[in-house]
PDB file of N, CA and C in Angstrom:
ATOM      1  N   MET A   1     -65.278  15.443  67.678  1.00  0.00           N
ATOM      2  CA  MET A   1     -65.008  15.158  66.309  1.00  0.00           C
ATOM      3  C   MET A   1     -63.505  15.536  66.052  1.00  0.00           C
ATOM      4  N   ARG A   2     -62.771  14.643  65.542  1.00  0.00           N
ATOM      5  CA  ARG A   2     -61.391  14.858  65.211  1.00  0.00           C
ATOM      6  C   ARG A   2     -61.203  14.779  63.708  1.00  0.00           C
ATOM      7  N   GLY A   3     -60.408  15.626  63.187  1.00  0.00           N
ATOM      8  CA  GLY A   3     -60.182  15.669  61.769  1.00  0.00           C
ATOM      9  C   GLY A   3     -58.753  16.008  61.465  1.00  0.00           C
ATOM     10  N   PHE A   4     -58.319  15.765  60.242  1.00  0.00           N
ATOM     11  CA  PHE A   4     -57.061  16.128  59.794  1.00  0.00           C
ATOM     12  C   PHE A   4     -57.231  16.958  58.513  1.00  0.00           C
ATOM     13  N   SER A   5     -56.716  18.125  58.473  1.00  0.00           N
ATOM     14  CA  SER A   5     -56.742  18.965  57.281  1.00  0.00           C
ATOM     15  C   SER A   5     -55.377  19.343  56.850  1.00  0.00           C
ATOM     16  N   PRO A   6     -54.876  18.568  55.848  1.00  0.00           N
ATOM     17  CA  PRO A   6     -53.440  18.920  55.407  1.00  0.00           C
ATOM     18  C   PRO A   6     -53.471  20.305  54.675  1.00  0.00           C
ATOM     19  N   GLN A   7     -52.510  21.086  54.947  1.00  0.00           N
ATOM     20  CA  GLN A   7     -52.377  22.394  54.274  1.00  0.00           C
ATOM     21  C   GLN A   7     -51.087  22.399  53.465  1.00  0.00           C
ATOM     22  N   VAL A   8     -51.230  22.862  52.337  1.00  0.00           N
ATOM     23  CA  VAL A   8     -50.126  23.052  51.401  1.00  0.00           C
ATOM     24  C   VAL A   8     -49.597  24.451  51.606  1.00  0.00           C
ATOM     25  N   VAL A   9     -48.360  24.667  51.910  1.00  0.00           N
ATOM     26  CA  VAL A   9     -47.858  25.986  52.146  1.00  0.00           C
ATOM     27  C   VAL A   9     -46.881  26.385  51.010  1.00  0.00           C
ATOM     28  N   PHE A  10     -47.140  27.493  50.405  1.00  0.00           N
ATOM     29  CA  PHE A  10     -46.256  28.018  49.365  1.00  0.00           C
ATOM     30  C   PHE A  10     -45.617  29.327  49.920  1.00  0.00           C
ATOM     31  N   PRO A  11     -44.371  29.323  50.150  1.00  0.00           N
ATOM     32  CA  PRO A  11     -43.769  30.559  50.760  1.00  0.00           C
ATOM     33  C   PRO A  11     -43.834  31.794  49.863  1.00  0.00           C
ATOM     34  N   GLN A  12     -44.134  31.609  48.631  1.00  0.00           N
ATOM     35  CA  GLN A  12     -44.237  32.762  47.652  1.00  0.00           C
ATOM     36  C   GLN A  12     -45.580  33.527  47.826  1.00  0.00           C
ATOM     37  N   THR A  13     -46.575  32.910  48.441  1.00  0.00           N
ATOM     38  CA  THR A  13     -47.881  33.534  48.554  1.00  0.00           C
ATOM     39  C   THR A  13     -47.888  34.371  49.746  1.00  0.00           C
ATOM     40  N   SER A  14     -48.902  35.283  49.788  1.00  0.00           N
ATOM     41  CA  SER A  14     -49.107  36.171  50.917  1.00  0.00           C
ATOM     42  C   SER A  14     -49.792  35.400  52.064  1.00  0.00           C
ATOM     43  N   TRP A  15     -49.593  35.888  53.255  1.00  0.00           N
ATOM     44  CA  TRP A  15     -50.211  35.282  54.419  1.00  0.00           C
ATOM     45  C   TRP A  15     -50.562  36.341  55.368  1.00  0.00           C
ATOM     46  N   GLY A  16     -51.521  36.046  56.242  1.00  0.00           N
ATOM     47  CA  GLY A  16     -51.998  37.028  57.209  1.00  0.00           C
ATOM     48  C   GLY A  16     -53.447  37.414  56.859  1.00  0.00           C
ATOM     49  N   GLY A  17     -54.087  38.001  57.798  1.00  0.00           N
ATOM     50  CA  GLY A  17     -55.531  38.325  57.579  1.00  0.00           C
ATOM     51  C   GLY A  17     -55.664  39.614  56.755  1.00  0.00           C
ATOM     52  N   GLY A  18     -56.902  39.797  56.427  1.00  0.00           N
ATOM     53  CA  GLY A  18     -57.212  40.980  55.619  1.00  0.00           C
ATOM     54  C   GLY A  18     -58.446  41.647  56.190  1.00  0.00           C
ATOM     55  N   LYS A  19     -58.834  42.748  55.692  1.00  0.00           N
ATOM     56  CA  LYS A  19     -60.071  43.505  56.075  1.00  0.00           C
ATOM     57  C   LYS A  19     -59.910  43.902  57.562  1.00  0.00           C
ATOM     58  N   ALA A  20     -60.898  43.479  58.439  1.00  0.00           N
ATOM     59  CA  ALA A  20     -60.985  44.011  59.747  1.00  0.00           C
ATOM     60  C   ALA A  20     -60.111  43.268  60.780  1.00  0.00           C
ATOM     61  N   SER A  21     -59.323  42.295  60.400  1.00  0.00           N
ATOM     62  CA  SER A  21     -58.516  41.506  61.233  1.00  0.00           C
ATOM     63  C   SER A  21     -57.357  42.342  61.838  1.00  0.00           C
ATOM     64  N   GLY A  22     -56.894  43.384  61.136  1.00  0.00           N
ATOM     65  CA  GLY A  22     -55.847  44.272  61.530  1.00  0.00           C
ATOM     66  C   GLY A  22     -54.444  43.665  61.410  1.00  0.00           C
ATOM     67  N   ILE A  23     -54.320  42.518  60.776  1.00  0.00           N
ATOM     68  CA  ILE A  23     -53.009  41.873  60.647  1.00  0.00           C
ATOM     69  C   ILE A  23     -52.426  42.311  59.354  1.00  0.00           C
ATOM     70  N   GLY A  24     -53.199  42.379  58.291  1.00  0.00           N
ATOM     71  CA  GLY A  24     -52.641  42.783  56.962  1.00  0.00           C
ATOM     72  C   GLY A  24     -52.020  41.546  56.255  1.00  0.00           C
ATOM     73  N   ARG A  25     -51.457  41.816  55.139  1.00  0.00           N
ATOM     74  CA  ARG A  25     -50.835  40.669  54.350  1.00  0.00           C
ATOM     75  C   ARG A  25     -49.393  40.980  54.171  1.00  0.00           C
ATOM     76  N   GLU A  26     -48.572  39.942  54.172  1.00  0.00           N
ATOM     77  CA  GLU A  26     -47.161  40.101  53.971  1.00  0.00           C
ATOM     78  C   GLU A  26     -46.649  39.194  52.861  1.00  0.00           C
ATOM     79  N   LEU A  27     -45.520  39.404  52.385  1.00  0.00           N
ATOM     80  CA  LEU A  27     -44.850  38.712  51.304  1.00  0.00           C
ATOM     81  C   LEU A  27     -45.555  39.078  49.958  1.00  0.00           C
ATOM     82  N   GLY A  28     -44.848  39.160  48.899  1.00  0.00           N
ATOM     83  CA  GLY A  28     -45.444  39.469  47.689  1.00  0.00           C
ATOM     84  C   GLY A  28     -45.426  40.963  47.387  1.00  0.00           C
ATOM     85  N   SER A  29     -45.487  41.336  46.191  1.00  0.00           N
ATOM     86  CA  SER A  29     -45.432  42.786  45.829  1.00  0.00           C
ATOM     87  C   SER A  29     -46.661  43.524  46.279  1.00  0.00           C
ATOM     88  N   TRP A  30     -47.856  42.908  46.238  1.00  0.00           N
ATOM     89  CA  TRP A  30     -49.039  43.585  46.632  1.00  0.00           C
ATOM     90  C   TRP A  30     -49.123  43.694  48.091  1.00  0.00           C
ATOM     91  N   GLY A  31     -48.422  42.853  48.829  1.00  0.00           N
ATOM     92  CA  GLY A  31     -48.351  43.025  50.300  1.00  0.00           C
ATOM     93  C   GLY A  31     -47.395  44.126  50.665  1.00  0.00           C
ATOM     94  N   LEU A  32     -46.293  44.304  49.893  1.00  0.00           N
ATOM     95  CA  LEU A  32     -45.383  45.434  50.195  1.00  0.00           C
ATOM     96  C   LEU A  32     -46.015  46.709  49.962  1.00  0.00           C
ATOM     97  N   SER A  33     -46.848  46.859  48.921  1.00  0.00           N
ATOM     98  CA  SER A  33     -47.478  48.101  48.548  1.00  0.00           C
ATOM     99  C   SER A  33     -48.381  48.554  49.637  1.00  0.00           C
ATOM    100  N   ALA A  34     -48.964  47.658  50.492  1.00  0.00           N
ATOM    101  CA  ALA A  34     -49.754  48.115  51.527  1.00  0.00           C
ATOM    102  C   ALA A  34     -49.074  48.888  52.577  1.00  0.00           C
ATOM    103  N   PHE A  35     -47.731  48.711  52.677  1.00  0.00           N
ATOM    104  CA  PHE A  35     -46.893  49.397  53.668  1.00  0.00           C
ATOM    105  C   PHE A  35     -46.323  50.723  53.115  1.00  0.00           C
ATOM    106  N   LEU A  36     -46.539  51.023  51.847  1.00  0.00           N
ATOM    107  CA  LEU A  36     -45.920  52.136  51.167  1.00  0.00           C
ATOM    108  C   LEU A  36     -46.936  53.282  50.957  1.00  0.00           C
ATOM    109  N   GLY A  37     -46.388  54.470  51.032  1.00  0.00           N
ATOM    110  CA  GLY A  37     -47.204  55.609  50.717  1.00  0.00           C
ATOM    111  C   GLY A  37     -46.501  56.513  49.666  1.00  0.00           C
ATOM    112  N   ILE A  38     -47.255  57.058  48.764  1.00  0.00           N
ATOM    113  CA  ILE A  38     -46.648  57.853  47.629  1.00  0.00           C
ATOM    114  C   ILE A  38     -46.582  59.269  48.106  1.00  0.00           C
ATOM    115  N   LYS A  39     -45.388  59.872  47.965  1.00  0.00           N
ATOM    116  CA  LYS A  39     -45.199  61.250  48.335  1.00  0.00           C
ATOM    117  C   LYS A  39     -44.588  61.979  47.217  1.00  0.00           C
ATOM    118  N   HIS A  40     -44.944  63.224  47.121  1.00  0.00           N
ATOM    119  CA  HIS A  40     -44.295  64.082  46.087  1.00  0.00           C
ATOM    120  C   HIS A  40     -43.385  65.074  46.755  1.00  0.00           C
ATOM    121  N   ILE A  41     -42.133  65.051  46.347  1.00  0.00           N
ATOM    122  CA  ILE A  41     -41.091  65.808  47.035  1.00  0.00           C
ATOM    123  C   ILE A  41     -40.433  66.815  46.011  1.00  0.00           C
ATOM    124  N   THR A  42     -40.435  68.055  46.345  1.00  0.00           N
ATOM    125  CA  THR A  42     -39.843  69.058  45.525  1.00  0.00           C
ATOM    126  C   THR A  42     -38.509  69.604  46.207  1.00  0.00           C
ATOM    127  N   ALA A  43     -37.391  69.585  45.509  1.00  0.00           N
ATOM    128  CA  ALA A  43     -36.184  69.984  46.131  1.00  0.00           C
ATOM    129  C   ALA A  43     -35.459  70.947  45.145  1.00  0.00           C
ATOM    130  N   PRO A  44     -34.762  71.987  45.638  1.00  0.00           N
ATOM    131  CA  PRO A  44     -34.000  72.808  44.771  1.00  0.00           C
ATOM    132  C   PRO A  44     -32.831  72.021  44.101  1.00  0.00           C
ATOM    133  N   ARG A  45     -32.428  72.413  42.929  1.00  0.00           N
ATOM    134  CA  ARG A  45     -31.303  71.743  42.269  1.00  0.00           C
ATOM    135  C   ARG A  45     -29.959  72.271  42.730  1.00  0.00           C
TER     136      ARG A  45
END
């Protein structure tokens, strides 16, 4: 069976797997937040 499935690609949207695929998502602010960690830093003035 042969078929053709046209895909519309929007570069602004996230891409990559989620959940157990281990790839993660990239592009977009929600994708960037997956790579960030919040830390509390105290320093003398």
